[in-house]
Amino acid sequence: MVIASIALFSCKDDEKETVVQVNGVTITVSPPITGDALAIGNAYEVTVTVTPSTATNRIVTLTSSKPDVISVMPKQSGAWTIKAEAAGQTVITAAATDGSKKKAELTLTVKPADPDPDPDPDPDPDPDPDPDPDPDPDPDPDPDHVAVTGVLLKSETTISIGASETLVATILPNDATNKAVTWESGNTARATVVDGVVTVPATATTGTVQITVRTVDGNFSANCLVTIVKPVEQFYEGGIYYKLISGTNVKVTNKSYTDDNFVLAANSYSGAVIIPATVTHNDVTYTVTAIGISAFRESESLASVTLPNTIVNIEAFAFFECATLKTITLNEGLKSIQAGAFVNCEKLETLHLPASLQSIDPGNSMFSGCANLTITVAAGGYYNVIDEVLYVKGSDGKPTYLQWVFEKKATACVIPDGIIWISTHAINDIKFSSLIIPASVTDIDYLNNFYGCESLTDITLNWVDPSSYWNYPSLGAAGVLTYSDITLHVPAGSKALYEAHPLWGAGFKIVEE
């Protein structure tokens, strides 16, 4: 496994320990944000801390409610980069994953791009003071004009409080020349309408409101009676459990409708599951935008899952220990996958990452136990696969962070020069014997404990001075690795520095190259 910042710890099923939950989450942005709004293109480093420092599970997730406005990219454990992508407002949320439901939120606004800073103040310095009138005006109306004879609109619909729906007006005849229309609401406190988009505000009350469309040509009109209802918080429809997020956006959840990792709802699903883009319940249509926390957790007979193009987030532990899951189709439009989503999916064979995917949280061994998994990536995305290793691209489009080494990889792992960080749990349960780490690596996450790496016999390190990188790991877990069985290949003239190092001088066989 990779050698870097990892912590030696032993986990025994028969030992019980006191669970200390998180009681506070804090977001820190560097450099500090000044002014009322961010400019498009600005990027900031974000760190998240939890209290107390003794919390058993200190892993957090960082998400953007609108990734198209501000994107979130993982940098290292507990640190991310956010970047202003487009004008708008979004909420950055840091949330604990230990079931405490503690979180911190930061509302940020991105201002529109500046207009042309140097418009031409005098495009025509010498205009004609006495232009000629139209020498041949057309006194007759357009002989090809086709007059409007009517307009059609659905007669009724149901919209939840806080949601919206687009009404489509059909102008008659189809080849009418002027199809312009106006829209109006009979009660704007209950619903507003702009260009056919009917929006029911969060402050609205239940009841009905009439929406009218009227043609400019001929003044024909049609009405739609909108019934306003309260959204259902959770429901079961078509073999799938749903939970309300906001408005009419819902996420797939488990049969206990819970987001608490400590309240398990195993075996909620089985067989081949196809998630729809929308689902209608009690005459209200909802959009499915997320796979919730532990939604499919420990579903022992689950074979495959297909996601619609409306899914933007897969939450923590969504497919945790789905031991029979063989295939899952991730959609273009997916933005983030949170901690531990695919742990111990031992029969999962392939996973194709769409170009839209911006963030895979490394926490809780994202792909640990996926012994047969091969990952492929879409061109032009945020990720790259080189020689059975998943990397995160930097701002220059080149691989920068090592996210995960395929557990099925059997040949030597040669990390390319330019990689600066090896992520949490990136190298575990490997089959290869040789690992080469370039001098460009400055940080190996402390949680990367090289568990299940007893096949590792040779490590090549390229730091002339091993103290030049940030963290150093306690190599191995639960006493699995014997340092004296591993040969370290180090640069010529550096053996003494390695022998004096707290880790590398702890019993490894050191050989200068």
Protein backbone atom coordinates (compact mmCIF):
# COMPACT_ATOMS: atom_id res chain seq x y z
CA MET A 1 0.00 0.00 0.00
CA VAL A 2 0.96 3.63 -0.24
CA ILE A 3 3.18 4.98 2.47
CA ALA A 4 2.01 8.11 4.05
CA SER A 5 -0.11 9.67 6.66
CA ILE A 6 -2.08 6.88 8.24
CA ALA A 7 -2.86 6.00 11.79
CA LEU A 8 -2.28 2.63 13.37
CA PHE A 9 -5.40 1.35 15.00
CA SER A 10 -7.00 -1.97 15.74
CA CYS A 11 -10.69 -2.69 15.33
CA LYS A 12 -12.04 -5.78 17.08
CA ASP A 13 -15.66 -6.73 16.89
CA ASP A 14 -15.69 -8.10 20.42
CA GLU A 15 -14.37 -4.90 22.02
CA LYS A 16 -16.83 -2.15 22.94
CA GLU A 17 -15.78 1.44 23.20
CA THR A 18 -17.54 4.59 24.31
CA VAL A 19 -19.02 6.46 21.36
CA VAL A 20 -18.42 10.20 21.54
CA GLN A 21 -20.72 12.09 19.19
CA VAL A 22 -19.99 15.37 17.44
CA ASN A 23 -21.53 18.41 19.14
CA GLY A 24 -20.34 21.15 16.81
CA VAL A 25 -19.22 21.75 13.21
CA THR A 26 -17.29 24.83 11.99
CA ILE A 27 -16.51 25.99 8.44
CA THR A 28 -13.38 28.08 7.82
CA VAL A 29 -12.72 29.76 4.44
CA SER A 30 -9.27 30.90 3.35
CA PRO A 31 -8.59 33.55 2.30
CA PRO A 32 -11.50 35.21 4.13
CA ILE A 33 -14.34 36.24 1.82
CA THR A 34 -14.73 40.03 1.57
CA GLY A 35 -17.46 42.09 -0.03
CA ASP A 36 -21.06 41.15 -0.77
CA ALA A 37 -20.43 38.49 -3.41
CA LEU A 38 -17.81 36.30 -5.06
CA ALA A 39 -16.60 36.87 -8.58
CA ILE A 40 -16.90 34.09 -11.13
CA GLY A 41 -13.67 32.11 -11.18
CA ASN A 42 -12.68 32.84 -7.58
CA ALA A 43 -11.54 29.80 -5.60
CA TYR A 44 -11.15 29.36 -1.85
CA GLU A 45 -9.81 26.69 0.48
CA VAL A 46 -12.36 25.37 2.99
CA THR A 47 -11.55 23.44 6.14
CA VAL A 48 -14.10 21.87 8.44
CA THR A 49 -13.49 21.12 12.10
CA VAL A 50 -15.66 19.22 14.54
CA THR A 51 -15.91 19.31 18.29
CA PRO A 52 -15.06 17.69 20.53
CA SER A 53 -11.66 16.58 19.22
CA THR A 54 -12.31 13.22 20.87
CA ALA A 55 -15.40 12.47 18.77
CA THR A 56 -15.40 8.84 17.64
CA ASN A 57 -16.37 9.61 14.03
CA ARG A 58 -14.99 12.99 12.93
CA ILE A 59 -15.70 12.49 9.23
CA VAL A 60 -17.80 15.23 7.64
CA THR A 61 -19.23 15.89 4.20
CA LEU A 62 -19.16 19.21 2.35
CA THR A 63 -21.80 19.91 -0.29
CA SER A 64 -23.13 22.79 -2.36
CA SER A 65 -26.91 23.11 -2.80
CA LYS A 66 -26.19 24.45 -6.31
CA PRO A 67 -22.92 22.95 -7.64
CA ASP A 68 -23.41 24.84 -10.91
CA VAL A 69 -23.08 28.11 -8.93
CA ILE A 70 -20.25 27.04 -6.56
CA SER A 71 -18.53 23.69 -7.05
CA VAL A 72 -16.90 21.64 -4.29
CA MET A 73 -13.71 19.61 -4.82
CA PRO A 74 -11.98 17.47 -2.17
CA LYS A 75 -8.40 18.49 -1.42
CA GLN A 76 -7.39 16.34 1.52
CA SER A 77 -8.99 14.93 4.65
CA GLY A 78 -11.03 17.72 6.23
CA ALA A 79 -10.22 20.19 3.42
CA TRP A 80 -11.88 21.15 0.14
CA THR A 81 -11.65 23.73 -2.64
CA ILE A 82 -14.76 25.70 -3.59
CA LYS A 83 -14.95 27.65 -6.85
CA ALA A 84 -17.43 30.24 -8.09
CA GLU A 85 -18.75 28.86 -11.40
CA ALA A 86 -21.76 31.04 -12.28
CA ALA A 87 -23.94 33.84 -10.95
CA GLY A 88 -26.42 32.87 -8.25
CA GLN A 89 -26.70 31.92 -4.60
CA THR A 90 -25.94 28.59 -2.94
CA VAL A 91 -25.63 27.10 0.53
CA ILE A 92 -22.41 25.31 1.47
CA THR A 93 -23.22 22.67 4.09
CA ALA A 94 -20.74 20.78 6.27
CA ALA A 95 -22.42 17.85 8.00
CA ALA A 96 -21.25 15.26 10.49
CA THR A 97 -21.79 11.62 9.44
CA ASP A 98 -21.96 10.10 12.92
CA GLY A 99 -25.72 10.40 13.33
CA SER A 100 -25.52 13.51 15.52
CA LYS A 101 -27.12 15.59 12.71
CA LYS A 102 -24.73 18.43 13.53
CA LYS A 103 -23.96 20.72 10.60
CA ALA A 104 -22.79 24.19 9.63
CA GLU A 105 -24.08 26.23 6.70
CA LEU A 106 -22.59 29.11 4.74
CA THR A 107 -24.71 31.06 2.24
CA LEU A 108 -22.64 32.49 -0.61
CA THR A 109 -23.56 34.68 -3.58
CA VAL A 110 -21.73 34.82 -6.90
CA LYS A 111 -22.16 38.08 -8.78
CA PRO A 112 -22.73 38.17 -12.56
CA ALA A 113 -19.79 38.83 -14.83
CA ASP A 114 -19.07 42.52 -15.45
CA PRO A 115 -20.55 43.97 -18.66
CA ASP A 116 -18.36 45.34 -21.45
CA PRO A 117 -16.17 47.87 -19.56
CA ASP A 118 -15.63 50.10 -22.60
CA PRO A 119 -18.80 50.41 -24.67
CA ASP A 120 -18.70 52.76 -27.65
CA PRO A 121 -20.23 56.02 -26.31
CA ASP A 122 -20.79 57.43 -29.78
CA PRO A 123 -21.34 54.71 -32.34
CA ASP A 124 -22.47 57.17 -35.01
CA PRO A 125 -20.63 60.53 -34.65
CA ASP A 126 -22.20 61.92 -37.84
CA PRO A 127 -25.80 60.72 -38.11
CA ASP A 128 -27.94 61.80 -41.00
CA PRO A 129 -29.92 64.77 -39.60
CA ASP A 130 -32.69 64.34 -42.16
CA PRO A 131 -33.07 60.71 -43.16
CA ASP A 132 -35.37 60.01 -46.05
CA PRO A 133 -38.75 58.54 -45.17
CA ASP A 134 -39.67 55.12 -46.49
CA PRO A 135 -40.04 55.85 -50.18
CA ASP A 136 -42.44 52.95 -50.67
CA PRO A 137 -44.41 52.13 -47.50
CA ASP A 138 -46.66 49.07 -47.70
CA PRO A 139 -50.22 50.33 -47.20
CA ASP A 140 -51.67 46.80 -47.12
CA PRO A 141 -51.45 44.30 -44.22
CA ASP A 142 -49.43 41.09 -44.63
CA PRO A 143 -51.41 38.99 -47.09
CA ASP A 144 -49.84 35.81 -45.59
CA HIS A 145 -50.95 36.57 -42.03
CA VAL A 146 -52.70 33.61 -40.32
CA ALA A 147 -55.02 34.79 -37.56
CA VAL A 148 -55.33 33.04 -34.20
CA THR A 149 -58.64 31.22 -33.73
CA GLY A 150 -58.23 29.91 -30.16
CA VAL A 151 -55.96 28.65 -27.38
CA LEU A 152 -55.90 25.38 -25.41
CA LEU A 153 -54.62 24.76 -21.87
CA LYS A 154 -54.89 21.80 -19.47
CA SER A 155 -58.00 22.37 -17.40
CA GLU A 156 -56.59 21.46 -13.98
CA THR A 157 -53.42 20.45 -12.11
CA THR A 158 -52.13 19.97 -8.58
CA ILE A 159 -49.00 21.73 -7.21
CA SER A 160 -47.45 21.41 -3.77
CA ILE A 161 -46.63 24.40 -1.60
CA GLY A 162 -43.11 25.54 -2.46
CA ALA A 163 -43.12 23.85 -5.87
CA SER A 164 -43.68 24.92 -9.47
CA GLU A 165 -45.03 23.56 -12.75
CA THR A 166 -44.79 24.74 -16.34
CA LEU A 167 -48.09 25.06 -18.21
CA VAL A 168 -48.01 24.80 -22.00
CA ALA A 169 -50.48 26.77 -24.12
CA THR A 170 -51.40 25.45 -27.58
CA ILE A 171 -52.28 28.17 -30.11
CA LEU A 172 -54.82 27.43 -32.83
CA PRO A 173 -54.28 27.01 -35.67
CA ASN A 174 -50.79 25.52 -35.48
CA ASP A 175 -49.51 27.83 -38.23
CA ALA A 176 -50.86 31.04 -36.68
CA THR A 177 -48.57 33.97 -37.40
CA ASN A 178 -48.60 35.61 -33.96
CA LYS A 179 -48.46 33.08 -31.11
CA ALA A 180 -47.67 35.60 -28.37
CA VAL A 181 -49.66 35.20 -25.14
CA THR A 182 -49.95 36.79 -21.72
CA TRP A 183 -50.41 34.99 -18.40
CA GLU A 184 -52.19 36.00 -15.21
CA SER A 185 -52.97 34.51 -11.80
CA GLY A 186 -56.28 34.90 -10.02
CA ASN A 187 -54.50 35.02 -6.64
CA THR A 188 -50.78 35.88 -6.59
CA ALA A 189 -50.57 35.10 -2.87
CA ARG A 190 -51.25 31.48 -3.75
CA ALA A 191 -49.46 31.24 -7.09
CA THR A 192 -47.58 33.45 -9.52
CA VAL A 193 -47.11 32.75 -13.22
CA VAL A 194 -44.34 33.94 -15.56
CA ASP A 195 -44.19 32.66 -19.14
CA GLY A 196 -46.30 29.68 -18.14
CA VAL A 197 -44.24 28.73 -15.09
CA VAL A 198 -46.63 28.55 -12.14
CA THR A 199 -44.88 28.92 -8.77
CA VAL A 200 -46.53 28.32 -5.42
CA PRO A 201 -44.60 30.17 -2.67
CA ALA A 202 -43.69 28.53 0.62
CA THR A 203 -46.06 30.98 2.35
CA ALA A 204 -49.10 29.90 0.33
CA THR A 205 -52.13 28.21 1.86
CA THR A 206 -53.96 25.21 0.48
CA GLY A 207 -56.86 25.83 -1.87
CA THR A 208 -57.32 26.67 -5.55
CA VAL A 209 -56.25 29.43 -7.91
CA GLN A 210 -57.12 30.05 -11.55
CA ILE A 211 -54.34 30.64 -14.09
CA THR A 212 -55.39 32.33 -17.34
CA VAL A 213 -53.57 32.45 -20.67
CA ARG A 214 -54.65 35.04 -23.25
CA THR A 215 -53.61 35.46 -26.89
CA VAL A 216 -52.33 38.82 -28.13
CA ASP A 217 -53.94 38.18 -31.50
CA GLY A 218 -57.71 37.87 -31.07
CA ASN A 219 -57.81 38.02 -27.24
CA PHE A 220 -58.75 34.33 -26.90
CA SER A 221 -58.30 32.80 -23.43
CA ALA A 222 -58.15 29.49 -21.57
CA ASN A 223 -58.04 28.67 -17.85
CA CYS A 224 -56.35 26.09 -15.64
CA LEU A 225 -57.59 25.48 -12.11
CA VAL A 226 -54.58 24.83 -9.83
CA THR A 227 -55.18 22.93 -6.60
CA ILE A 228 -52.56 23.73 -3.96
CA VAL A 229 -51.72 20.98 -1.47
CA LYS A 230 -49.23 20.40 1.32
CA PRO A 231 -46.32 18.17 0.26
CA VAL A 232 -46.09 14.71 1.82
CA GLU A 233 -42.96 14.28 3.97
CA GLN A 234 -42.46 10.61 3.08
CA PHE A 235 -44.23 7.97 1.02
CA TYR A 236 -43.92 4.60 -0.71
CA GLU A 237 -44.66 4.35 -4.41
CA GLY A 238 -43.83 1.74 -7.05
CA GLY A 239 -41.69 -0.36 -4.73
CA ILE A 240 -39.48 2.56 -3.65
CA TYR A 241 -39.38 4.59 -0.44
CA TYR A 242 -39.15 8.38 -0.82
CA LYS A 243 -38.44 11.25 1.56
CA LEU A 244 -39.07 14.95 0.89
CA ILE A 245 -36.02 17.24 0.52
CA SER A 246 -37.71 20.55 -0.33
CA GLY A 247 -40.49 21.78 -2.59
CA THR A 248 -41.28 18.71 -4.68
CA ASN A 249 -37.73 17.33 -4.69
CA VAL A 250 -37.42 13.94 -3.02
CA LYS A 251 -34.69 11.40 -2.35
CA VAL A 252 -34.79 7.63 -2.30
CA THR A 253 -34.61 6.35 1.28
CA ASN A 254 -35.03 3.09 3.22
CA LYS A 255 -38.08 1.44 4.71
CA SER A 256 -37.50 3.22 8.04
CA TYR A 257 -37.43 6.63 6.28
CA THR A 258 -34.37 7.48 8.39
CA ASP A 259 -31.14 9.40 7.81
CA ASP A 260 -29.62 8.03 11.00
CA ASN A 261 -26.74 5.64 10.29
CA PHE A 262 -27.31 3.98 13.65
CA VAL A 263 -30.93 3.06 12.85
CA LEU A 264 -30.46 0.43 10.18
CA ALA A 265 -33.12 -0.64 7.71
CA ALA A 266 -31.47 -3.57 6.00
CA ASN A 267 -33.08 -5.38 3.06
CA SER A 268 -35.20 -2.45 1.93
CA TYR A 269 -34.70 -3.46 -1.72
CA SER A 270 -34.04 -6.54 -3.85
CA GLY A 271 -33.56 -7.56 -7.47
CA ALA A 272 -33.19 -4.96 -10.24
CA VAL A 273 -34.22 -1.47 -9.11
CA ILE A 274 -34.88 1.31 -11.63
CA ILE A 275 -35.27 4.74 -10.03
CA PRO A 276 -37.66 7.03 -11.96
CA ALA A 277 -36.87 10.68 -12.67
CA THR A 278 -40.28 11.70 -11.32
CA VAL A 279 -42.88 10.00 -9.15
CA THR A 280 -46.54 10.92 -8.64
CA HIS A 281 -48.16 10.43 -5.25
CA ASN A 282 -51.63 11.71 -4.28
CA ASP A 283 -51.81 13.66 -7.57
CA VAL A 284 -48.54 15.50 -6.85
CA THR A 285 -45.53 14.91 -9.08
CA TYR A 286 -42.12 14.89 -7.36
CA THR A 287 -38.62 14.99 -8.87
CA VAL A 288 -36.11 12.43 -7.58
CA THR A 289 -32.81 14.27 -7.01
CA ALA A 290 -30.81 12.17 -4.52
CA ILE A 291 -30.12 8.72 -3.09
CA GLY A 292 -30.41 9.16 0.67
CA ILE A 293 -28.20 8.09 3.56
CA SER A 294 -28.18 4.28 3.91
CA ALA A 295 -30.99 4.02 1.35
CA PHE A 296 -29.94 0.59 0.04
CA ARG A 297 -27.75 -0.35 3.01
CA GLU A 298 -27.30 -4.12 3.51
CA SER A 299 -29.91 -5.03 0.91
CA GLU A 300 -28.77 -8.63 0.64
CA SER A 301 -30.64 -9.57 -2.55
CA LEU A 302 -30.05 -6.36 -4.53
CA ALA A 303 -28.75 -7.14 -8.05
CA SER A 304 -28.67 -3.83 -9.95
CA VAL A 305 -29.64 -0.17 -9.68
CA THR A 306 -30.25 2.34 -12.48
CA LEU A 307 -30.33 6.04 -11.67
CA PRO A 308 -32.26 8.72 -13.64
CA ASN A 309 -30.57 11.85 -14.99
CA THR A 310 -32.20 13.92 -12.22
CA ILE A 311 -29.96 12.52 -9.44
CA VAL A 312 -27.34 15.05 -8.29
CA ASN A 313 -26.14 13.47 -5.03
CA ILE A 314 -25.53 10.02 -3.58
CA GLU A 315 -25.45 10.41 0.20
CA ALA A 316 -23.28 8.62 2.76
CA PHE A 317 -23.46 4.80 3.04
CA ALA A 318 -26.15 4.66 0.33
CA PHE A 319 -25.06 1.21 -0.90
CA PHE A 320 -23.07 0.14 2.17
CA GLU A 321 -22.52 -3.64 2.26
CA CYS A 322 -24.81 -4.45 -0.65
CA ALA A 323 -22.93 -7.72 -1.06
CA THR A 324 -24.93 -8.97 -4.07
CA LEU A 325 -24.96 -5.70 -6.05
CA LYS A 326 -23.29 -6.33 -9.43
CA THR A 327 -24.10 -3.24 -11.49
CA ILE A 328 -25.12 0.35 -10.87
CA THR A 329 -25.63 2.88 -13.64
CA LEU A 330 -24.58 6.38 -12.57
CA ASN A 331 -26.23 9.22 -14.47
CA GLU A 332 -24.77 12.21 -16.24
CA GLY A 333 -25.76 15.11 -14.00
CA LEU A 334 -24.57 13.41 -10.81
CA LYS A 335 -22.43 15.91 -8.84
CA SER A 336 -21.26 14.18 -5.66
CA ILE A 337 -20.89 10.84 -3.90
CA GLN A 338 -20.55 11.03 -0.14
CA ALA A 339 -18.56 8.99 2.38
CA GLY A 340 -18.76 5.20 2.48
CA ALA A 341 -21.34 4.93 -0.30
CA PHE A 342 -19.99 1.67 -1.77
CA VAL A 343 -18.14 0.00 1.13
CA ASN A 344 -18.07 -3.82 0.89
CA CYS A 345 -19.96 -4.10 -2.39
CA GLU A 346 -17.85 -7.17 -3.04
CA LYS A 347 -19.60 -8.29 -6.25
CA LEU A 348 -19.74 -4.84 -7.86
CA GLU A 349 -17.81 -5.25 -11.10
CA THR A 350 -17.89 -1.91 -12.94
CA LEU A 351 -18.61 1.70 -12.12
CA HIS A 352 -18.55 4.41 -14.79
CA LEU A 353 -18.05 7.93 -13.44
CA PRO A 354 -19.90 10.60 -15.48
CA ALA A 355 -18.18 13.81 -16.55
CA SER A 356 -20.50 15.79 -14.28
CA LEU A 357 -19.20 14.12 -11.09
CA GLN A 358 -17.24 16.72 -9.11
CA SER A 359 -16.67 15.12 -5.73
CA ILE A 360 -16.12 11.65 -4.26
CA ASP A 361 -15.75 11.98 -0.50
CA PRO A 362 -12.83 9.74 0.56
CA GLY A 363 -14.19 9.25 4.06
CA ASN A 364 -15.10 5.82 5.45
CA SER A 365 -13.17 3.89 2.79
CA MET A 366 -15.43 4.78 -0.16
CA PHE A 367 -14.60 1.60 -2.17
CA SER A 368 -13.09 -0.56 0.58
CA GLY A 369 -14.09 -4.19 0.15
CA CYS A 370 -14.93 -3.75 -3.56
CA ALA A 371 -12.48 -6.51 -4.50
CA ASN A 372 -13.77 -6.99 -8.06
CA LEU A 373 -14.43 -3.37 -9.00
CA THR A 374 -13.11 -1.69 -12.13
CA ILE A 375 -13.77 2.06 -12.47
CA THR A 376 -13.97 3.88 -15.80
CA VAL A 377 -14.40 7.61 -16.33
CA ALA A 378 -16.06 9.82 -18.92
CA ALA A 379 -13.86 12.08 -21.01
CA GLY A 380 -13.66 15.69 -19.92
CA GLY A 381 -14.56 14.97 -16.30
CA TYR A 382 -12.90 15.60 -12.95
CA TYR A 383 -11.37 12.12 -12.63
CA ASN A 384 -8.84 9.97 -14.42
CA VAL A 385 -7.86 6.29 -14.29
CA ILE A 386 -4.25 5.30 -14.94
CA ASP A 387 -3.06 1.70 -14.58
CA GLU A 388 -5.95 0.67 -12.29
CA VAL A 389 -5.63 3.71 -10.04
CA LEU A 390 -8.29 6.44 -9.69
CA TYR A 391 -6.95 10.01 -9.60
CA VAL A 392 -8.57 13.43 -9.10
CA LYS A 393 -7.60 16.07 -11.65
CA GLY A 394 -6.22 19.45 -10.64
CA SER A 395 -7.17 22.81 -12.12
CA ASP A 396 -4.75 22.15 -15.01
CA GLY A 397 -6.61 18.97 -15.94
CA LYS A 398 -3.75 16.71 -14.86
CA PRO A 399 -3.97 14.04 -12.13
CA THR A 400 -3.15 15.60 -8.75
CA TYR A 401 -4.66 13.44 -5.98
CA LEU A 402 -4.66 9.66 -5.66
CA GLN A 403 -8.19 8.63 -4.65
CA TRP A 404 -8.14 4.82 -4.75
CA VAL A 405 -6.03 1.89 -5.96
CA PHE A 406 -8.17 -0.91 -7.38
CA GLU A 407 -8.11 -3.78 -4.90
CA LYS A 408 -7.92 -6.23 -7.82
CA LYS A 409 -4.67 -4.64 -9.07
CA ALA A 410 -1.93 -7.31 -9.14
CA THR A 411 0.97 -5.49 -10.82
CA ALA A 412 3.37 -2.99 -9.27
CA CYS A 413 1.79 0.34 -8.34
CA VAL A 414 3.83 3.20 -9.79
CA ILE A 415 2.41 6.56 -8.73
CA PRO A 416 3.24 9.13 -11.43
CA ASP A 417 5.24 12.25 -10.69
CA GLY A 418 2.99 15.26 -10.05
CA ILE A 419 0.70 13.52 -7.55
CA ILE A 420 0.78 15.56 -4.33
CA TRP A 421 -1.69 13.81 -2.03
CA ILE A 422 -2.70 10.23 -1.31
CA SER A 423 -6.25 10.17 0.01
CA THR A 424 -7.85 8.50 3.01
CA HIS A 425 -8.02 4.71 2.61
CA ALA A 426 -6.57 4.97 -0.89
CA ILE A 427 -4.39 1.83 -0.61
CA ASN A 428 -6.00 -1.05 1.26
CA ASP A 429 -6.49 -4.79 0.67
CA ILE A 430 -4.08 -4.86 -2.26
CA LYS A 431 -2.54 -7.82 -4.07
CA PHE A 432 0.63 -6.27 -5.54
CA SER A 433 4.04 -6.43 -3.85
CA SER A 434 5.80 -3.29 -5.13
CA LEU A 435 4.90 0.37 -4.55
CA ILE A 436 6.72 3.44 -5.91
CA ILE A 437 5.99 6.91 -4.48
CA PRO A 438 7.37 10.03 -6.25
CA ALA A 439 9.00 12.96 -4.45
CA SER A 440 6.06 15.17 -5.52
CA VAL A 441 3.84 13.54 -2.87
CA THR A 442 3.73 15.89 0.12
CA ASP A 443 0.92 14.31 2.12
CA ILE A 444 -0.36 10.80 2.73
CA ASP A 445 -3.56 10.95 4.71
CA TYR A 446 -3.22 9.67 8.27
CA LEU A 447 -6.30 7.45 7.92
CA ASN A 448 -4.67 5.53 5.08
CA ASN A 449 -3.52 2.66 7.28
CA PHE A 450 -2.44 0.11 4.64
CA TYR A 451 -4.83 -2.46 6.05
CA GLY A 452 -4.68 -5.79 4.23
CA CYS A 453 -1.34 -5.05 2.53
CA GLU A 454 0.61 -8.08 3.71
CA SER A 455 1.63 -8.77 0.07
CA LEU A 456 3.70 -5.56 0.08
CA THR A 457 7.45 -6.36 0.12
CA ASP A 458 9.10 -3.45 -1.73
CA ILE A 459 8.55 0.29 -1.39
CA THR A 460 10.50 2.85 -3.39
CA LEU A 461 10.64 6.31 -1.82
CA ASN A 462 12.03 9.28 -3.73
CA TRP A 463 12.31 11.93 -1.01
CA VAL A 464 15.95 12.90 -0.52
CA ASP A 465 14.91 14.01 2.94
CA PRO A 466 11.95 11.94 4.29
CA SER A 467 10.96 14.77 6.64
CA SER A 468 10.07 16.97 3.65
CA TYR A 469 6.51 15.70 3.41
CA TRP A 470 3.74 16.70 5.80
CA ASN A 471 2.53 13.55 7.47
CA TYR A 472 3.90 10.10 7.96
CA PRO A 473 1.81 7.02 8.64
CA SER A 474 2.00 4.17 11.06
CA LEU A 475 2.31 1.56 8.35
CA GLY A 476 -0.04 -1.39 8.66
CA ALA A 477 -3.06 -2.26 10.76
CA ALA A 478 -3.60 -4.66 13.63
CA GLY A 479 -0.02 -5.92 13.36
CA VAL A 480 -0.57 -7.36 9.87
CA LEU A 481 2.64 -5.89 8.40
CA THR A 482 6.11 -6.85 9.57
CA TYR A 483 8.43 -3.95 8.78
CA SER A 484 11.49 -6.18 8.60
CA ASP A 485 9.88 -8.04 5.67
CA ILE A 486 9.67 -4.84 3.61
CA THR A 487 12.61 -3.39 1.68
CA LEU A 488 12.77 0.40 1.32
CA HIS A 489 14.57 1.67 -1.77
CA VAL A 490 15.75 5.25 -1.10
CA PRO A 491 17.85 7.83 -2.97
CA ALA A 492 21.64 7.53 -2.77
CA GLY A 493 23.10 9.30 0.25
CA SER A 494 19.81 9.41 2.19
CA LYS A 495 19.95 6.12 4.10
CA ALA A 496 21.04 7.77 7.36
CA LEU A 497 18.10 10.20 7.20
CA TYR A 498 15.66 7.33 6.73
CA GLU A 499 17.22 5.33 9.56
CA ALA A 500 16.69 8.33 11.86
CA HIS A 501 13.07 8.80 10.76
CA PRO A 502 10.31 7.87 13.29
CA LEU A 503 8.62 5.55 10.77
CA TRP A 504 11.17 4.48 8.16
CA GLY A 505 13.79 3.79 10.80
CA ALA A 506 11.42 1.49 12.70
CA GLY A 507 12.72 -1.78 11.25
CA PHE A 508 12.50 -1.60 7.48
CA LYS A 509 15.35 -2.97 5.39
CA ILE A 510 16.76 0.22 3.80
CA VAL A 511 18.69 0.03 0.53
CA GLU A 512 20.16 3.03 -1.29
CA GLU A 513 19.62 3.15 -5.05
